[in-house]
């Protein structure tokens, strides 16, 4: 689920960003759940800034 606050986004661009995030998460080695959450948190803020959204929340 992706929740974007108060923004109209180019959905194709956002979907591409989310796919890249998930590909990177799949490539993580070790780290367990904490490493996974840290990676998603870092990327979440990057996507939000790129799309000008107040926040983008990605629930995995």
N, C-alpha and C. Protein backbone atom coordinates (compact mmCIF):
# COMPACT_ATOMS: atom_id res chain seq x y z
N UNK A 1 0.85 -1.18 0.00
CA UNK A 1 0.00 0.00 0.00
C UNK A 1 0.89 1.24 0.00
N UNK A 2 0.55 2.21 -0.80
CA UNK A 2 1.29 3.47 -0.85
C UNK A 2 0.32 4.58 -0.53
N UNK A 3 0.68 5.41 0.43
CA UNK A 3 -0.17 6.52 0.84
C UNK A 3 0.59 7.81 0.59
N UNK A 4 0.04 8.68 -0.20
CA UNK A 4 0.69 9.96 -0.50
C UNK A 4 -0.25 11.07 -0.06
N UNK A 5 0.25 11.97 0.76
CA UNK A 5 -0.60 13.03 1.33
C UNK A 5 -0.72 14.22 0.41
N UNK A 6 -1.96 14.63 0.15
CA UNK A 6 -2.26 15.91 -0.50
C UNK A 6 -1.49 16.16 -1.79
N UNK A 7 -1.29 15.15 -2.59
CA UNK A 7 -0.53 15.36 -3.81
C UNK A 7 -1.16 14.64 -4.99
N UNK A 8 -1.04 15.24 -6.14
CA UNK A 8 -1.37 14.56 -7.38
C UNK A 8 -0.04 14.22 -8.03
N UNK A 9 0.21 12.97 -8.26
CA UNK A 9 1.51 12.53 -8.77
C UNK A 9 1.37 11.88 -10.12
N UNK A 10 2.45 11.87 -10.86
CA UNK A 10 2.52 11.06 -12.06
C UNK A 10 2.65 9.61 -11.58
N UNK A 11 1.58 8.86 -11.69
CA UNK A 11 1.54 7.51 -11.11
C UNK A 11 2.60 6.62 -11.73
N UNK A 12 2.84 6.76 -13.02
CA UNK A 12 3.85 5.91 -13.67
C UNK A 12 5.23 6.15 -13.07
N UNK A 13 5.54 7.42 -12.80
CA UNK A 13 6.85 7.74 -12.22
C UNK A 13 6.94 7.19 -10.80
N UNK A 14 5.87 7.34 -10.02
CA UNK A 14 5.87 6.85 -8.65
C UNK A 14 5.99 5.33 -8.62
N UNK A 15 5.28 4.64 -9.50
CA UNK A 15 5.36 3.18 -9.55
C UNK A 15 6.78 2.74 -9.90
N UNK A 16 7.42 3.45 -10.81
CA UNK A 16 8.81 3.13 -11.16
C UNK A 16 9.72 3.28 -9.97
N UNK A 17 9.53 4.35 -9.18
CA UNK A 17 10.34 4.54 -7.97
C UNK A 17 10.12 3.41 -6.98
N UNK A 18 8.87 3.03 -6.78
CA UNK A 18 8.56 1.95 -5.83
C UNK A 18 9.16 0.64 -6.30
N UNK A 19 9.10 0.36 -7.59
CA UNK A 19 9.71 -0.88 -8.11
C UNK A 19 11.21 -0.90 -7.85
N UNK A 20 11.86 0.25 -8.05
CA UNK A 20 13.31 0.31 -7.77
C UNK A 20 13.59 0.06 -6.30
N UNK A 21 12.75 0.62 -5.42
CA UNK A 21 12.92 0.39 -3.98
C UNK A 21 12.81 -1.10 -3.68
N UNK A 22 11.78 -1.74 -4.19
CA UNK A 22 11.56 -3.15 -3.90
C UNK A 22 12.67 -4.01 -4.48
N UNK A 23 13.20 -3.66 -5.64
CA UNK A 23 14.33 -4.39 -6.21
C UNK A 23 15.54 -4.29 -5.30
N UNK A 24 15.80 -3.09 -4.77
CA UNK A 24 16.93 -2.90 -3.87
C UNK A 24 16.73 -3.68 -2.58
N UNK A 25 15.51 -3.68 -2.06
CA UNK A 25 15.22 -4.43 -0.83
C UNK A 25 15.45 -5.91 -1.06
N UNK A 26 15.05 -6.43 -2.22
CA UNK A 26 15.26 -7.84 -2.54
C UNK A 26 16.74 -8.19 -2.56
N UNK A 27 17.60 -7.23 -2.89
CA UNK A 27 19.03 -7.50 -3.00
C UNK A 27 19.75 -7.39 -1.66
N UNK A 28 19.06 -6.96 -0.62
CA UNK A 28 19.71 -6.83 0.69
C UNK A 28 20.20 -8.20 1.16
N UNK A 29 21.37 -8.20 1.75
CA UNK A 29 21.90 -9.45 2.30
C UNK A 29 21.92 -9.31 3.81
N UNK A 30 21.31 -10.25 4.51
CA UNK A 30 21.31 -10.21 5.97
C UNK A 30 20.60 -8.97 6.49
N UNK A 31 20.91 -8.60 7.73
CA UNK A 31 20.32 -7.40 8.31
C UNK A 31 18.95 -7.62 8.91
N UNK A 32 18.28 -8.69 8.50
CA UNK A 32 16.97 -9.01 9.04
C UNK A 32 15.97 -7.88 8.86
N UNK A 33 14.96 -7.88 9.69
CA UNK A 33 13.87 -6.91 9.59
C UNK A 33 14.35 -5.49 9.83
N UNK A 34 15.29 -5.30 10.76
CA UNK A 34 15.76 -3.94 11.05
C UNK A 34 16.46 -3.33 9.84
N UNK A 35 17.28 -4.12 9.17
CA UNK A 35 17.95 -3.63 7.96
C UNK A 35 16.96 -3.31 6.87
N UNK A 36 15.95 -4.14 6.73
CA UNK A 36 14.91 -3.92 5.72
C UNK A 36 14.16 -2.63 6.00
N UNK A 37 13.76 -2.41 7.24
CA UNK A 37 13.01 -1.20 7.58
C UNK A 37 13.85 0.05 7.40
N UNK A 38 15.13 -0.02 7.75
CA UNK A 38 16.01 1.13 7.57
C UNK A 38 16.15 1.48 6.10
N UNK A 39 16.29 0.47 5.26
CA UNK A 39 16.42 0.69 3.82
C UNK A 39 15.15 1.33 3.26
N UNK A 40 14.00 0.82 3.65
CA UNK A 40 12.73 1.36 3.16
C UNK A 40 12.55 2.79 3.66
N UNK A 41 12.88 3.04 4.91
CA UNK A 41 12.74 4.39 5.47
C UNK A 41 13.60 5.39 4.70
N UNK A 42 14.85 5.03 4.40
CA UNK A 42 15.73 5.92 3.64
C UNK A 42 15.15 6.22 2.27
N UNK A 43 14.69 5.19 1.58
CA UNK A 43 14.17 5.37 0.23
C UNK A 43 12.84 6.10 0.23
N UNK A 44 12.06 5.88 1.27
CA UNK A 44 10.75 6.52 1.36
C UNK A 44 10.92 8.04 1.35
N UNK A 45 11.86 8.55 2.12
CA UNK A 45 12.05 9.99 2.16
C UNK A 45 12.58 10.51 0.83
N UNK A 46 13.43 9.73 0.15
CA UNK A 46 13.93 10.13 -1.17
C UNK A 46 12.79 10.27 -2.17
N UNK A 47 11.89 9.31 -2.18
CA UNK A 47 10.76 9.35 -3.12
C UNK A 47 9.85 10.52 -2.79
N UNK A 48 9.59 10.75 -1.52
CA UNK A 48 8.72 11.86 -1.11
C UNK A 48 9.29 13.20 -1.55
N UNK A 49 10.60 13.38 -1.38
CA UNK A 49 11.22 14.64 -1.79
C UNK A 49 11.17 14.80 -3.31
N UNK A 50 11.42 13.74 -4.03
CA UNK A 50 11.44 13.81 -5.49
C UNK A 50 10.06 14.18 -6.03
N UNK A 51 9.01 13.70 -5.38
CA UNK A 51 7.66 13.94 -5.88
C UNK A 51 7.00 15.14 -5.19
N UNK A 52 7.71 15.80 -4.30
CA UNK A 52 7.17 16.98 -3.65
C UNK A 52 6.05 16.69 -2.67
N UNK A 53 5.95 15.46 -2.24
CA UNK A 53 4.88 15.08 -1.32
C UNK A 53 5.30 15.41 0.11
N UNK A 54 4.31 15.70 0.93
CA UNK A 54 4.60 15.91 2.34
C UNK A 54 5.16 14.63 2.95
N UNK A 55 4.57 13.52 2.61
CA UNK A 55 5.14 12.23 3.01
C UNK A 55 4.65 11.15 2.08
N UNK A 56 5.46 10.14 1.96
CA UNK A 56 5.09 8.95 1.21
C UNK A 56 5.31 7.79 2.15
N UNK A 57 4.30 6.98 2.35
CA UNK A 57 4.43 5.86 3.28
C UNK A 57 4.30 4.57 2.49
N UNK A 58 5.29 3.73 2.64
CA UNK A 58 5.28 2.45 1.95
C UNK A 58 5.20 1.36 3.00
N UNK A 59 4.14 0.57 2.97
CA UNK A 59 3.98 -0.53 3.92
C UNK A 59 4.36 -1.81 3.20
N UNK A 60 5.35 -2.49 3.75
CA UNK A 60 5.83 -3.73 3.11
C UNK A 60 5.36 -4.90 3.94
